[in-house]
Every structure is written in C-alpha cells, then in structure tokens.
Amino acid sequence: MTAQQQATEQNRAQEMAAQFANSESSEKKVTKEENPLKKVHSRFGEIQINLEKKITFPHGILGLPAQLNFCLADFPREGFSQFKLLQSVEDNELCFITVPADYRDCYVKEADILEACNVMEINPAQLLVLFIVTTHRAPNQETRISVNAKAPILVNTEDYSALQYVFNKKDYEIRHMIS
C-alpha cells in the first residue's frame, strides 16, 4: 500500500470516528425534552456527547462488565485531533483515550481483523476500529504513547454495537508503543 493510500485509509477511519463524536443531532426526531446532547465534565475537561450515537457494549468492556454505554467525543485540547474520547454515559469519571484506525492499515494484521469481523458478524465496510491509548511518563523523559493492540475495540457503525475483541496471538501486545 502506498503512502498516499495509507493516508486515505487513515482519513477514512478518522472521518468515521468523527461522525460518532459529532455533537450535532442525527436524523432521529428529537423533542426539546429529549435533547440528545449532554455536557460531561470528564477527567480531560468538559466534553459534549451525543446520546443518539451511543455505542453499546452488550458484555461491557474488559474488567468493567457493568459499563455498557459509551459515546465518542472529540478530545477537548488543541493538537490532539487524531484522538477520540470513549466516554461512559453512566459514569463521568470513566473515559478512555482512543485512536481510530482503518482495519487495512493498523496495528493488527488485516486478516485477523477480518476474522474478528466474521466472528462478530460485522460487515468490514461498517467497522470502526478503536485502540485504547496509554501514556507513559517517566521522570526526565519524554512522554511515550502505547495502544492496546491485543484487545482493540471493534464498533459496528450500522447498529452502534461494540466489543473489545481479544486476539489470542502472541503477535500483539497490550502495550504496543507508537511513540
């Protein structure tokens, strides 16, 4: 894949994630009493989520089985547009930094992502892949960033359902360094 094709695919993933994080109302009819936009005071600052674009994890996220509903939001600080926040709808304190990626050009082999789509019965054209980000800070050193390539979040953009899919392969690390 050429550098231009990679950039195009990454832009597609960013645009798909932006549609989820977009605070504008979707096509659903909403009355004034049912405002789908909600301001949240997250640990990263004030963000706005759109409840009409709620992502449901039927089995919760790993380690958090009771947390079923999340929304994507834009990162509230300048210079971080490549990241999205995965904010819990029920718990303002629960929020993950994520990075959207195109399944054809990400930290996991395309064949493995397609196999996961098959297991989850997701059409790859409706797949949004999110990697949970961790920052690593050591005294007197630059901040480094890793993603969880072992257990990415796979979102079906058709029905807004999601699953944190664990790859049982040694190829992927929980702390896959990206910077």
Foldseek 3Di string as FASTA:
>chain_A
DDPVVQVVQLVVLLVLLCVQAPQDDDPDDDDPVRQQWDWFQEPQGIWIGGNVSWAFACQDAVVCRPQGTWTWHARPDPPRRQWIKTAGPVDRHDIFIKGKGQLPDDLDHNVVVVVVCVVVVADSVQKIKIWTKDWDDDPPDDIWIFTQPQFIWIARNVVNYIYRDGDPDPSTHGGHTDD
